[in-house]
Amino acid sequence: MSGFAERLAAAAAAAVLACLALAPSASAGTYDVYACNTPAGRFANHSWTLYTTAGDFIARDCNLADANPEFSISSPNGQTYGVYRGAQLTFQAAPQTTIVGFRWNRSLRHFNPTDGAPAGYGAFLSSYAMIGGIPLEGTGANDAAIQGPPTAVGAWDATGGKVDRTGDVSLQDYAMGREYHGDGTILRAGIGCAGNGCSLMTDDTEGPGYISFAIRGATVTLNDPVAPRIDRVTPTVPAAGAMLVGDEPVAFDAADNTGIRRAEVIDVSSGTAQVVGGRDFACDHSYAAPCPLTLSGERIPVNIPSGGQRTLRVRVIDAGDNVAESPAFIEDVGGPLNGSGATPVARLSASFSRKRSRVDVAYGRSARISGRLTDATGKPITGATIQILDRELRSGTQYGPRLEVTTDADGRFSVVPGPGAARAIRFEFRSRRLLPAADAADSVELRVAAAATLSITPRRVRPRGTIRISGRLKGLPLPRSGKLVELQAFEAGKWRAVGTVRARGAKGRFSTTYRFLRAGRGASFLIRARIRRDDSYPFYLGYSPRVRVRVR
């Protein structure tokens, strides 16, 4: 940095040592800081400081009420300046962050006649832009080390002739910007007298001299390698012997160098984090540290959807999207009370008519189930939700949820299951809605008979003739190996087996033939299909309709 810029920065009390090394990029995040009129919108200037030596220069801050707002430094003409007099616009990165990029819409104007200047004040003023000690552009007379490097965009014009550079420029647009390694903390624009006495006079032909550096809008990108710090987490503690509903807030204290934008409660009980509560904090990106730097006793609203012992953590996220998580803590969640008078010591009963726990019904039919929920003394628990689960009565099945019913003013409920397979139906009551296990339960069995269609052709047959018997099981799906169907004929006052056939396929069809070897003319038989109960097929003993066959 030039001696001129150093002296002005010291006078403004704005110089800060740049970071010595960057933190590992894997843990770092970036965010933008805005000033004045930017593509992201209009922002008050809270991140750039304006400094002038007394009386020589003019500084104007961004006024968003203006049609074309800008913040600027300038000097009127007709003046002389002592060495190291000047003005600066300085962006200072937030603590422990560095500048990794910027884009600004700037206007640099400089015309420096020295006609008629007093003796000893014949030097040009200078303008300059620098990042982290690297010069980007400038005009006029400055230190040789500063004037030399810039080329292309930001070429140094030392002639004192008219310069007017206006427009959007990013760090990478500057030739010397490519030499910058992202480790600086200060971005600065300045004007002033860098060497011997300077003057800004009027040219007889070209008119009055001028110098100004205006920023119409600036977006500075900061790299934040520092994770937030969580100092304390305070979960809600239930009364002795009680459980949490699951919507109690969690309080926490935390701090961060750029501020905390969001806090969450995450449930890690299953090994995969699930967000069960969150809160965003107001951030103003017109500041270099845009979000609240310290939070104390802030509460995160929570809605835990699952009951039981839940393993939770608090997660906080800062302006640069760096994340910190608290140690895990356990909450015993039961959910809200389930009904008026709800208690873990409850009695639940369910049955078919006449207090039966099992009932047999024909295929496609059902039966009403009624029940009652009370406490241990017999007082009804009203407005309670009863979960209904069922499982098909075959091997390898498990209970699954089906529907819910609500108890009435006397604790009673009733339901008619839909038609279907034979099944066990279980009714469960939880005194709190999110409890993993039921406090009271009862179950019944709806035993549905198997059924089948039956078709025989022809129905009139000669002695020693053959008929085809076919049909379809109504209860599906079938076991993988199919379902054995027994064919029976009514003869001599009783049913006797005349053969078997296996129903198969997605539609449960079966088909076979039968030959009358002994029946004489005039004989008549009723034939039916019999479907026995077994553990692989969720229907009880059932029959097809009977079909009569005559021998001519």
Protein backbone atom coordinates (compact mmCIF):
# COMPACT_ATOMS: atom_id res chain seq x y z
CA MET A 1 0.00 0.00 0.00
CA SER A 2 1.28 3.49 -0.77
CA GLY A 3 2.45 5.78 2.01
CA PHE A 4 -0.33 8.16 0.97
CA ALA A 5 -3.10 5.58 1.39
CA GLU A 6 -1.57 4.31 4.63
CA ARG A 7 -1.48 7.74 6.18
CA LEU A 8 -5.08 8.49 5.20
CA ALA A 9 -6.24 5.12 6.56
CA ALA A 10 -4.47 5.72 9.85
CA ALA A 11 -6.01 9.16 10.11
CA ALA A 12 -9.44 7.62 9.53
CA ALA A 13 -8.76 4.87 12.14
CA ALA A 14 -9.90 2.34 9.60
CA ALA A 15 -6.83 0.23 8.86
CA VAL A 16 -7.06 -3.39 10.01
CA LEU A 17 -4.49 -6.17 9.54
CA ALA A 18 -5.45 -8.60 6.79
CA CYS A 19 -5.95 -12.26 7.72
CA LEU A 20 -2.65 -14.16 7.55
CA ALA A 21 -4.14 -17.38 6.13
CA LEU A 22 -7.39 -18.66 4.78
CA ALA A 23 -9.32 -21.35 6.66
CA PRO A 24 -9.91 -24.63 4.82
CA SER A 25 -12.48 -24.00 2.08
CA ALA A 26 -14.48 -27.10 3.02
CA SER A 27 -15.74 -25.39 6.18
CA ALA A 28 -16.17 -21.94 4.73
CA GLY A 29 -19.25 -20.22 3.39
CA THR A 30 -19.80 -16.97 1.52
CA TYR A 31 -22.39 -14.23 1.60
CA ASP A 32 -22.93 -10.84 -0.04
CA VAL A 33 -23.01 -7.35 1.47
CA TYR A 34 -24.89 -4.65 -0.43
CA ALA A 35 -24.61 -0.86 -0.49
CA CYS A 36 -26.75 1.73 -2.27
CA ASN A 37 -28.25 0.84 -5.68
CA THR A 38 -27.47 -2.82 -6.52
CA PRO A 39 -29.01 -5.51 -8.75
CA ALA A 40 -30.38 -7.07 -5.55
CA GLY A 41 -32.19 -3.84 -4.67
CA ARG A 42 -31.57 -0.59 -2.87
CA PHE A 43 -29.77 -0.72 0.47
CA ALA A 44 -28.73 1.95 2.94
CA ASN A 45 -24.96 2.23 3.28
CA HIS A 46 -23.93 0.59 6.55
CA SER A 47 -20.72 -1.09 5.36
CA TRP A 48 -18.61 1.69 3.80
CA THR A 49 -17.02 4.45 5.88
CA LEU A 50 -16.53 7.91 4.38
CA TYR A 51 -13.51 9.95 5.50
CA THR A 52 -12.09 13.35 4.52
CA THR A 53 -9.33 15.56 5.85
CA ALA A 54 -11.02 18.65 7.20
CA GLY A 55 -12.01 21.34 4.73
CA ASP A 56 -10.31 20.00 1.62
CA PHE A 57 -12.71 17.40 0.33
CA ILE A 58 -16.44 16.61 0.30
CA ALA A 59 -18.02 13.24 1.24
CA ARG A 60 -21.64 12.43 0.49
CA ASP A 61 -23.35 9.24 1.69
CA CYS A 62 -25.99 7.25 -0.15
CA ASN A 63 -29.46 8.81 0.00
CA LEU A 64 -32.02 6.24 -1.17
CA ALA A 65 -34.56 9.01 -1.73
CA ASP A 66 -32.48 10.27 -4.66
CA ALA A 67 -33.44 9.19 -8.15
CA ASN A 68 -29.88 7.91 -8.71
CA PRO A 69 -28.36 7.37 -5.28
CA GLU A 70 -24.61 7.08 -4.77
CA PHE A 71 -21.95 7.69 -2.14
CA SER A 72 -18.94 9.70 -3.17
CA ILE A 73 -15.84 11.73 -2.37
CA SER A 74 -14.81 14.80 -4.36
CA SER A 75 -13.07 18.18 -4.18
CA PRO A 76 -13.98 21.58 -5.61
CA ASN A 77 -11.48 23.24 -7.94
CA GLY A 78 -9.40 26.29 -7.27
CA GLN A 79 -7.67 24.75 -4.29
CA THR A 80 -4.21 23.78 -3.17
CA TYR A 81 -3.48 20.76 -1.00
CA GLY A 82 -0.78 19.82 1.42
CA VAL A 83 0.82 16.42 1.17
CA TYR A 84 -1.33 13.48 2.40
CA ARG A 85 -4.57 15.45 2.33
CA GLY A 86 -7.43 13.42 0.86
CA ALA A 87 -10.60 11.39 1.22
CA GLN A 88 -11.47 7.69 1.25
CA LEU A 89 -14.36 5.24 0.85
CA THR A 90 -13.50 2.09 2.83
CA PHE A 91 -15.20 -1.29 3.12
CA GLN A 92 -14.02 -3.28 6.14
CA ALA A 93 -14.78 -7.02 6.18
CA ALA A 94 -16.48 -8.49 9.23
CA PRO A 95 -14.17 -9.99 11.87
CA GLN A 96 -12.55 -13.28 10.81
CA THR A 97 -13.82 -12.93 7.23
CA THR A 98 -12.03 -11.99 4.02
CA ILE A 99 -13.11 -10.37 0.78
CA VAL A 100 -13.28 -12.89 -2.07
CA GLY A 101 -14.98 -10.74 -4.68
CA PHE A 102 -16.91 -7.61 -5.45
CA ARG A 103 -18.84 -5.84 -8.17
CA TRP A 104 -19.49 -2.14 -8.16
CA ASN A 105 -20.93 0.51 -10.40
CA ARG A 106 -18.39 3.28 -9.96
CA SER A 107 -17.70 6.64 -11.56
CA LEU A 108 -14.09 7.87 -11.47
CA ARG A 109 -13.68 11.40 -12.91
CA HIS A 110 -10.44 13.41 -12.92
CA PHE A 111 -9.23 16.49 -14.78
CA ASN A 112 -6.24 18.22 -13.16
CA PRO A 113 -5.07 21.55 -14.62
CA THR A 114 -2.44 23.28 -12.47
CA ASP A 115 -2.37 26.57 -14.34
CA GLY A 116 -1.58 29.42 -12.01
CA ALA A 117 -0.83 27.23 -9.04
CA PRO A 118 1.31 28.82 -6.30
CA ALA A 119 4.93 27.78 -6.11
CA GLY A 120 5.35 24.36 -4.49
CA TYR A 121 1.78 23.21 -5.41
CA GLY A 122 2.25 22.06 -8.96
CA ALA A 123 1.69 18.31 -8.46
CA PHE A 124 -1.42 16.49 -9.64
CA LEU A 125 -3.93 15.03 -7.22
CA SER A 126 -4.46 11.27 -7.51
CA SER A 127 -7.36 8.80 -7.38
CA TYR A 128 -7.03 5.10 -6.68
CA ALA A 129 -8.88 1.84 -5.94
CA MET A 130 -7.18 -0.94 -3.94
CA ILE A 131 -8.04 -4.31 -2.40
CA GLY A 132 -5.91 -5.88 0.30
CA GLY A 133 -2.92 -3.68 -0.66
CA ILE A 134 -3.19 -4.44 -4.40
CA PRO A 135 -3.83 -1.39 -6.66
CA LEU A 136 -6.61 -1.87 -9.19
CA GLU A 137 -6.87 1.46 -10.98
CA GLY A 138 -6.08 5.13 -10.55
CA THR A 139 -5.21 8.52 -12.01
CA GLY A 140 -2.81 11.37 -11.35
CA ALA A 141 0.40 11.35 -9.33
CA ASN A 142 0.97 8.60 -6.78
CA ASP A 143 3.83 6.41 -5.59
CA ALA A 144 5.69 4.72 -8.44
CA ALA A 145 4.93 1.27 -7.01
CA ILE A 146 1.22 2.04 -7.09
CA GLN A 147 1.10 3.65 -10.53
CA GLY A 148 3.08 0.94 -12.25
CA PRO A 149 1.12 -2.36 -12.05
CA PRO A 150 -2.47 -1.64 -13.24
CA THR A 151 -3.11 -2.28 -16.94
CA ALA A 152 -6.18 -2.82 -19.16
CA VAL A 153 -9.27 -2.09 -17.08
CA GLY A 154 -7.94 0.25 -14.42
CA ALA A 155 -4.92 1.46 -16.39
CA TRP A 156 -3.23 4.26 -14.50
CA ASP A 157 -3.56 7.65 -16.18
CA ALA A 158 -0.83 9.96 -14.88
CA THR A 159 -1.22 12.76 -17.42
CA GLY A 160 -3.68 14.93 -15.57
CA GLY A 161 -5.90 14.92 -18.65
CA LYS A 162 -9.58 14.21 -18.58
CA VAL A 163 -10.55 10.75 -17.29
CA ASP A 164 -14.14 9.55 -17.03
CA ARG A 165 -14.60 5.87 -16.13
CA THR A 166 -18.17 4.87 -15.40
CA GLY A 167 -19.89 1.49 -15.30
CA ASP A 168 -20.13 -1.95 -13.70
CA VAL A 169 -16.80 -3.58 -12.90
CA SER A 170 -16.01 -6.74 -10.95
CA LEU A 171 -12.80 -7.77 -9.22
CA GLN A 172 -11.91 -10.15 -12.06
CA ASP A 173 -12.33 -7.39 -14.63
CA TYR A 174 -9.25 -5.67 -13.21
CA ALA A 175 -5.93 -6.96 -14.51
CA MET A 176 -4.40 -6.78 -11.03
CA GLY A 177 -7.52 -8.39 -9.57
CA ARG A 178 -6.25 -11.67 -10.94
CA GLU A 179 -3.25 -11.32 -8.63
CA TYR A 180 -5.48 -11.11 -5.58
CA HIS A 181 -5.71 -14.29 -3.49
CA GLY A 182 -8.85 -13.65 -1.49
CA ASP A 183 -7.05 -12.89 1.76
CA GLY A 184 -7.73 -9.18 2.16
CA THR A 185 -10.10 -7.48 4.56
CA ILE A 186 -10.24 -3.95 3.11
CA LEU A 187 -11.56 -2.58 -0.19
CA ARG A 188 -10.85 1.11 -0.62
CA ALA A 189 -11.28 3.98 -3.07
CA GLY A 190 -9.57 7.32 -2.44
CA ILE A 191 -8.55 10.71 -3.78
CA GLY A 192 -5.94 13.15 -2.52
CA CYS A 193 -2.45 14.58 -2.65
CA ALA A 194 0.16 11.83 -2.51
CA GLY A 195 3.44 13.71 -2.96
CA ASN A 196 4.50 17.35 -2.91
CA GLY A 197 1.91 20.08 -2.71
CA CYS A 198 -0.93 19.60 -5.18
CA SER A 199 -3.45 21.91 -6.85
CA LEU A 200 -6.68 21.67 -8.81
CA MET A 201 -7.03 24.79 -10.89
CA THR A 202 -8.78 25.98 -14.08
CA ASP A 203 -7.52 25.50 -17.60
CA ASP A 204 -7.97 28.49 -19.88
CA THR A 205 -9.28 26.27 -22.67
CA GLU A 206 -10.77 23.19 -21.01
CA GLY A 207 -12.29 24.86 -17.99
CA PRO A 208 -12.30 24.04 -14.27
CA GLY A 209 -10.56 20.96 -12.93
CA TYR A 210 -12.37 18.23 -10.99
CA ILE A 211 -11.78 14.95 -9.13
CA SER A 212 -14.32 12.51 -7.71
CA PHE A 213 -14.86 8.83 -7.00
CA ALA A 214 -18.51 7.81 -6.70
CA ILE A 215 -20.00 4.37 -6.02
CA ARG A 216 -23.56 4.02 -7.22
CA GLY A 217 -23.87 0.47 -5.94
CA ALA A 218 -21.54 -2.16 -4.51
CA THR A 219 -21.87 -5.89 -3.81
CA VAL A 220 -18.99 -7.33 -1.79
CA THR A 221 -18.68 -11.10 -1.30
CA LEU A 222 -17.15 -12.23 1.98
CA ASN A 223 -15.72 -15.61 2.86
CA ASP A 224 -16.63 -16.77 6.38
CA PRO A 225 -14.64 -19.82 7.54
CA VAL A 226 -15.86 -19.68 11.14
CA ALA A 227 -18.66 -21.92 12.44
CA PRO A 228 -21.13 -20.56 14.99
CA ARG A 229 -20.77 -21.37 18.69
CA ILE A 230 -23.63 -22.82 20.73
CA ASP A 231 -23.17 -21.94 24.39
CA ARG A 232 -26.25 -23.46 25.99
CA VAL A 233 -29.37 -25.47 25.13
CA THR A 234 -32.34 -25.47 27.50
CA PRO A 235 -35.05 -28.04 26.67
CA THR A 236 -38.46 -27.89 28.33
CA VAL A 237 -38.46 -30.07 31.44
CA PRO A 238 -41.80 -31.78 32.21
CA ALA A 239 -43.16 -32.22 35.70
CA ALA A 240 -42.14 -35.34 37.58
CA GLY A 241 -43.75 -38.39 36.02
CA ALA A 242 -45.17 -36.39 33.10
CA MET A 243 -44.37 -36.46 29.39
CA LEU A 244 -43.92 -33.71 26.83
CA VAL A 245 -46.62 -32.93 24.30
CA GLY A 246 -44.01 -32.45 21.56
CA ASP A 247 -44.67 -28.78 20.84
CA GLU A 248 -42.68 -27.31 23.72
CA PRO A 249 -40.03 -24.81 22.53
CA VAL A 250 -36.30 -25.30 23.04
CA ALA A 251 -34.23 -22.31 24.22
CA PHE A 252 -30.58 -21.72 23.35
CA ASP A 253 -27.68 -19.27 23.53
CA ALA A 254 -25.30 -18.86 20.60
CA ALA A 255 -22.83 -16.45 19.01
CA ASP A 256 -21.09 -15.96 15.65
CA ASN A 257 -18.73 -13.51 13.97
CA THR A 258 -21.12 -12.76 11.06
CA GLY A 259 -24.37 -13.50 12.86
CA ILE A 260 -26.88 -16.32 13.06
CA ARG A 261 -29.60 -16.41 10.43
CA ARG A 262 -31.43 -19.62 11.42
CA ALA A 263 -31.78 -22.08 14.28
CA GLU A 264 -33.35 -25.55 14.07
CA VAL A 265 -34.21 -28.47 16.29
CA ILE A 266 -33.41 -31.75 14.56
CA ASP A 267 -34.54 -35.26 15.51
CA VAL A 268 -31.70 -37.76 15.00
CA SER A 269 -33.41 -40.73 16.67
CA SER A 270 -33.44 -42.74 13.44
CA GLY A 271 -29.89 -41.81 12.45
CA THR A 272 -31.13 -39.42 9.75
CA ALA A 273 -31.71 -35.83 10.80
CA GLN A 274 -35.31 -34.62 10.55
CA VAL A 275 -36.06 -30.95 11.16
CA VAL A 276 -38.84 -30.73 13.78
CA GLY A 277 -38.56 -27.03 14.58
CA GLY A 278 -37.02 -23.91 13.13
CA ARG A 279 -36.75 -20.17 13.43
CA ASP A 280 -35.28 -17.56 11.09
CA PHE A 281 -33.66 -14.42 12.46
CA ALA A 282 -33.75 -11.03 10.77
CA CYS A 283 -30.61 -10.31 8.75
CA ASP A 284 -29.70 -7.02 7.06
CA HIS A 285 -27.16 -7.54 4.30
CA SER A 286 -26.28 -3.85 4.17
CA TYR A 287 -24.00 -4.64 7.13
CA ALA A 288 -20.71 -6.54 6.88
CA ALA A 289 -21.95 -8.77 9.72
CA PRO A 290 -25.59 -8.99 8.65
CA CYS A 291 -27.24 -11.24 11.26
CA PRO A 292 -27.56 -11.16 15.09
CA LEU A 293 -24.10 -11.73 16.56
CA THR A 294 -25.31 -13.06 19.90
CA LEU A 295 -28.55 -14.79 20.85
CA SER A 296 -29.51 -15.44 24.46
CA GLY A 297 -32.51 -17.42 25.62
CA GLU A 298 -34.03 -17.47 22.14
CA ARG A 299 -36.79 -20.07 21.75
CA ILE A 300 -37.25 -22.37 18.78
CA PRO A 301 -40.85 -23.52 18.16
CA VAL A 302 -41.06 -27.30 17.86
CA ASN A 303 -43.53 -29.82 16.45
CA ILE A 304 -42.33 -33.40 17.00
CA PRO A 305 -44.53 -35.82 15.00
CA SER A 306 -43.35 -39.06 16.65
CA GLY A 307 -43.61 -40.13 20.25
CA GLY A 308 -41.33 -41.96 22.64
CA GLN A 309 -37.82 -41.04 23.65
CA ARG A 310 -36.53 -38.71 20.95
CA THR A 311 -32.87 -37.83 20.47
CA LEU A 312 -32.66 -34.14 19.54
CA ARG A 313 -30.01 -31.55 18.71
CA VAL A 314 -30.03 -27.80 18.16
CA ARG A 315 -28.50 -26.70 14.86
CA VAL A 316 -27.55 -23.08 14.12
CA ILE A 317 -26.62 -21.65 10.71
CA ASP A 318 -24.75 -18.38 10.22
CA ALA A 319 -24.74 -15.78 7.44
CA GLY A 320 -22.17 -17.79 5.48
CA ASP A 321 -24.16 -21.05 5.85
CA ASN A 322 -21.65 -22.48 8.32
CA VAL A 323 -23.35 -24.94 10.68
CA ALA A 324 -22.90 -25.94 14.31
CA GLU A 325 -24.82 -28.58 16.26
CA SER A 326 -25.26 -28.99 19.97
CA PRO A 327 -24.68 -32.24 21.86
CA ALA A 328 -27.68 -34.55 21.73
CA PHE A 329 -30.36 -34.44 24.41
CA ILE A 330 -33.32 -36.73 25.08
CA GLU A 331 -36.98 -35.74 25.34
CA ASP A 332 -39.76 -38.15 26.28
CA VAL A 333 -42.59 -37.18 23.94
CA GLY A 334 -46.12 -38.43 24.31
CA GLY A 335 -48.18 -35.85 22.44
CA PRO A 336 -51.37 -34.17 23.71
CA LEU A 337 -53.79 -35.97 26.02
CA ASN A 338 -56.16 -38.17 24.05
CA GLY A 339 -59.68 -37.40 25.23
CA SER A 340 -61.36 -36.00 28.31
CA GLY A 341 -60.36 -38.04 31.34
CA ALA A 342 -57.53 -39.76 29.44
CA THR A 343 -55.32 -41.87 31.67
CA PRO A 344 -52.74 -44.61 31.08
CA VAL A 345 -54.81 -46.84 33.39
CA ALA A 346 -57.69 -47.36 30.95
CA ARG A 347 -60.00 -50.19 30.00
CA LEU A 348 -60.96 -50.87 26.39
CA SER A 349 -63.44 -53.52 25.27
CA ALA A 350 -64.62 -54.41 21.77
CA SER A 351 -67.00 -57.14 20.57
CA PHE A 352 -69.60 -58.16 18.04
CA SER A 353 -73.27 -58.50 19.02
CA ARG A 354 -73.99 -60.64 22.09
CA LYS A 355 -70.45 -59.88 23.39
CA ARG A 356 -68.85 -62.25 20.89
CA SER A 357 -65.14 -61.87 20.13
CA ARG A 358 -65.46 -63.94 16.93
CA VAL A 359 -68.15 -64.04 14.30
CA ASP A 360 -68.58 -66.02 11.06
CA VAL A 361 -69.96 -64.23 8.02
CA ALA A 362 -70.53 -65.12 4.39
CA TYR A 363 -68.18 -63.89 1.73
CA GLY A 364 -68.79 -60.19 0.99
CA ARG A 365 -70.55 -59.60 4.30
CA SER A 366 -69.49 -57.92 7.54
CA ALA A 367 -70.72 -57.33 11.08
CA ARG A 368 -70.82 -54.34 13.43
CA ILE A 369 -68.23 -54.08 16.21
CA SER A 370 -69.06 -52.01 19.30
CA GLY A 371 -66.82 -51.01 22.18
CA ARG A 372 -66.32 -48.78 25.20
CA LEU A 373 -63.39 -46.92 26.77
CA THR A 374 -63.31 -46.11 30.49
CA ASP A 375 -60.83 -45.40 33.24
CA ALA A 376 -60.11 -47.93 35.99
CA THR A 377 -63.24 -46.89 37.90
CA GLY A 378 -65.55 -47.26 34.89
CA LYS A 379 -65.87 -43.55 34.16
CA PRO A 380 -66.07 -42.96 30.38
CA ILE A 381 -63.16 -41.38 28.52
CA THR A 382 -64.84 -39.12 25.99
CA GLY A 383 -63.64 -37.63 22.73
CA ALA A 384 -60.74 -40.07 22.58
CA THR A 385 -59.28 -41.37 19.33
CA ILE A 386 -59.18 -45.15 18.97
CA GLN A 387 -56.78 -46.53 16.38
CA ILE A 388 -58.06 -49.53 14.43
CA LEU A 389 -55.58 -51.99 12.98
CA ASP A 390 -56.10 -55.32 11.26
CA ARG A 391 -54.25 -58.24 9.74
CA GLU A 392 -55.41 -61.00 7.43
CA LEU A 393 -55.80 -64.38 9.12
CA ARG A 394 -53.02 -66.15 7.27
CA SER A 395 -49.42 -66.88 8.12
CA GLY A 396 -46.81 -64.14 7.91
CA THR A 397 -49.10 -61.13 8.29
CA GLN A 398 -48.77 -58.21 10.71
CA TYR A 399 -51.14 -55.59 12.00
CA GLY A 400 -51.39 -52.41 9.96
CA PRO A 401 -53.34 -49.20 10.64
CA ARG A 402 -56.71 -48.86 8.91
CA LEU A 403 -58.80 -46.07 10.42
CA GLU A 404 -59.70 -44.19 13.58
CA VAL A 405 -62.91 -43.70 15.54
CA THR A 406 -63.79 -41.29 18.35
CA THR A 407 -65.54 -42.17 21.60
CA ASP A 408 -68.85 -40.46 22.36
CA ALA A 409 -70.09 -38.89 25.61
CA ASP A 410 -70.41 -42.33 27.20
CA GLY A 411 -67.02 -43.54 25.95
CA ARG A 412 -68.64 -45.75 23.32
CA PHE A 413 -67.72 -46.33 19.69
CA SER A 414 -68.77 -48.63 16.85
CA VAL A 415 -67.59 -49.52 13.39
CA VAL A 416 -68.59 -51.84 10.53
CA PRO A 417 -65.47 -53.20 8.79
CA GLY A 418 -65.53 -53.23 5.04
CA PRO A 419 -65.93 -56.53 3.17
CA GLY A 420 -62.77 -58.48 2.54
CA ALA A 421 -60.71 -61.39 3.85
CA ALA A 422 -60.97 -62.99 7.25
CA ARG A 423 -59.00 -60.85 9.64
CA ALA A 424 -58.14 -60.01 13.21
CA ILE A 425 -59.16 -56.46 14.10
CA ARG A 426 -57.37 -54.66 16.92
CA PHE A 427 -58.51 -51.54 18.77
CA GLU A 428 -55.85 -49.46 20.55
CA PHE A 429 -56.01 -46.50 22.92
CA ARG A 430 -53.08 -44.24 23.76
CA SER A 431 -53.54 -41.80 26.61
CA ARG A 432 -51.28 -39.45 24.63
CA ARG A 433 -51.57 -39.35 20.86
CA LEU A 434 -47.88 -39.90 20.03
CA LEU A 435 -47.12 -42.76 22.39
CA PRO A 436 -45.47 -45.64 20.54
CA ALA A 437 -47.31 -48.32 22.54
CA ALA A 438 -50.99 -48.58 23.46
CA ASP A 439 -52.16 -48.17 27.07
CA ALA A 440 -55.21 -50.36 26.44
CA ALA A 441 -56.25 -52.65 23.59
CA ASP A 442 -58.72 -55.35 22.58
CA SER A 443 -59.18 -57.44 19.44
CA VAL A 444 -61.83 -59.47 17.63
CA GLU A 445 -61.88 -61.87 14.68
CA LEU A 446 -64.07 -61.51 11.63
CA ARG A 447 -64.14 -64.98 10.03
CA VAL A 448 -65.17 -64.65 6.41
CA ALA A 449 -66.16 -67.79 4.51
CA ALA A 450 -64.53 -68.63 1.20
CA ALA A 451 -66.68 -68.56 -1.93
CA ALA A 452 -66.46 -69.63 -5.55
CA THR A 453 -68.41 -69.67 -8.77
CA LEU A 454 -69.18 -73.02 -10.42
CA SER A 455 -70.05 -73.90 -14.00
CA ILE A 456 -70.67 -77.39 -15.47
CA THR A 457 -71.08 -78.28 -19.11
CA PRO A 458 -73.02 -80.14 -20.26
CA ARG A 459 -75.61 -80.53 -17.49
CA ARG A 460 -77.21 -83.52 -19.22
CA VAL A 461 -74.88 -86.38 -20.07
CA ARG A 462 -75.14 -89.94 -21.30
CA PRO A 463 -73.91 -92.88 -19.18
CA ARG A 464 -70.09 -92.96 -19.19
CA GLY A 465 -70.16 -89.38 -20.47
CA THR A 466 -67.78 -86.57 -19.40
CA ILE A 467 -68.53 -83.13 -18.00
CA ARG A 468 -66.25 -80.10 -17.57
CA ILE A 469 -66.28 -78.41 -14.17
CA SER A 470 -64.85 -74.90 -13.93
CA GLY A 471 -65.08 -71.92 -11.65
CA ARG A 472 -63.30 -69.08 -9.89
CA LEU A 473 -62.42 -68.39 -6.25
CA LYS A 474 -63.80 -65.03 -5.17
CA GLY A 475 -61.32 -64.41 -2.38
CA LEU A 476 -58.04 -63.09 -3.79
CA PRO A 477 -55.10 -63.09 -3.97
CA LEU A 478 -54.22 -66.76 -3.89
CA PRO A 479 -51.11 -68.29 -2.35
CA ARG A 480 -48.17 -68.51 -4.77
CA SER A 481 -48.75 -72.25 -5.20
CA GLY A 482 -52.49 -71.80 -5.78
CA LYS A 483 -55.38 -73.04 -3.64
CA LEU A 484 -56.71 -76.61 -3.57
CA VAL A 485 -60.44 -76.93 -4.30
CA GLU A 486 -62.34 -80.11 -3.46
CA LEU A 487 -65.20 -81.17 -5.77
CA GLN A 488 -68.14 -82.97 -4.10
CA ALA A 489 -71.26 -84.77 -5.30
CA PHE A 490 -74.41 -85.44 -3.25
CA GLU A 491 -75.24 -89.12 -3.44
CA ALA A 492 -77.14 -91.51 -1.16
CA GLY A 493 -77.99 -88.77 1.28
CA LYS A 494 -74.50 -87.42 1.78
CA TRP A 495 -71.74 -85.39 0.13
CA ARG A 496 -68.71 -87.31 -1.06
CA ALA A 497 -65.49 -86.12 -2.69
CA VAL A 498 -65.22 -86.86 -6.41
CA GLY A 499 -61.93 -85.05 -7.09
CA THR A 500 -59.70 -82.05 -6.48
CA VAL A 501 -58.44 -79.23 -8.62
CA ARG A 502 -56.03 -76.33 -7.91
CA ALA A 503 -57.13 -72.75 -8.50
CA ARG A 504 -54.33 -70.58 -9.86
CA GLY A 505 -53.53 -67.23 -11.37
CA ALA A 506 -54.46 -63.66 -10.68
CA LYS A 507 -58.16 -64.44 -11.19
CA GLY A 508 -58.23 -67.67 -9.16
CA ARG A 509 -59.65 -69.87 -11.91
CA PHE A 510 -59.88 -73.67 -11.83
CA SER A 511 -61.04 -76.26 -14.37
CA THR A 512 -61.16 -80.09 -14.66
CA THR A 513 -63.25 -82.94 -16.13
CA TYR A 514 -65.23 -85.78 -14.59
CA ARG A 515 -66.54 -88.97 -16.26
CA PHE A 516 -69.65 -90.86 -15.06
CA LEU A 517 -68.55 -94.50 -15.13
CA ARG A 518 -71.21 -96.11 -12.90
CA ALA A 519 -74.27 -93.87 -13.09
CA GLY A 520 -77.18 -95.23 -15.09
CA ARG A 521 -79.90 -93.49 -17.02
CA GLY A 522 -82.16 -91.30 -14.89
CA ALA A 523 -79.57 -90.58 -12.22
CA SER A 524 -79.29 -87.02 -10.91
CA PHE A 525 -76.46 -85.43 -8.89
CA LEU A 526 -75.78 -82.12 -7.12
CA ILE A 527 -72.18 -80.99 -7.46
CA ARG A 528 -70.38 -78.27 -5.51
CA ALA A 529 -66.87 -76.91 -4.82
CA ARG A 530 -65.60 -77.02 -1.25
CA ILE A 531 -62.80 -74.63 -0.12
CA ARG A 532 -61.12 -75.69 3.10
CA ARG A 533 -59.43 -73.40 5.60
CA ASP A 534 -55.61 -73.36 5.70
CA ASP A 535 -52.95 -70.95 7.00
CA SER A 536 -51.95 -69.73 3.54
CA TYR A 537 -55.42 -68.53 2.50
CA PRO A 538 -57.27 -65.90 4.60
CA PHE A 539 -60.77 -67.34 4.32
CA TYR A 540 -62.65 -69.93 6.33
CA LEU A 541 -64.49 -73.02 5.08
CA GLY A 542 -66.81 -72.13 2.24
CA TYR A 543 -68.68 -73.56 -0.76
CA SER A 544 -69.74 -72.68 -4.24
CA PRO A 545 -73.40 -72.79 -5.30
CA ARG A 546 -74.65 -76.31 -6.14
CA VAL A 547 -75.18 -77.33 -9.76
CA ARG A 548 -77.42 -80.31 -10.79
CA VAL A 549 -76.26 -82.77 -13.45
CA ARG A 550 -78.57 -85.44 -14.97
CA VAL A 551 -77.66 -88.70 -16.70
CA ARG A 552 -79.97 -89.41 -19.69
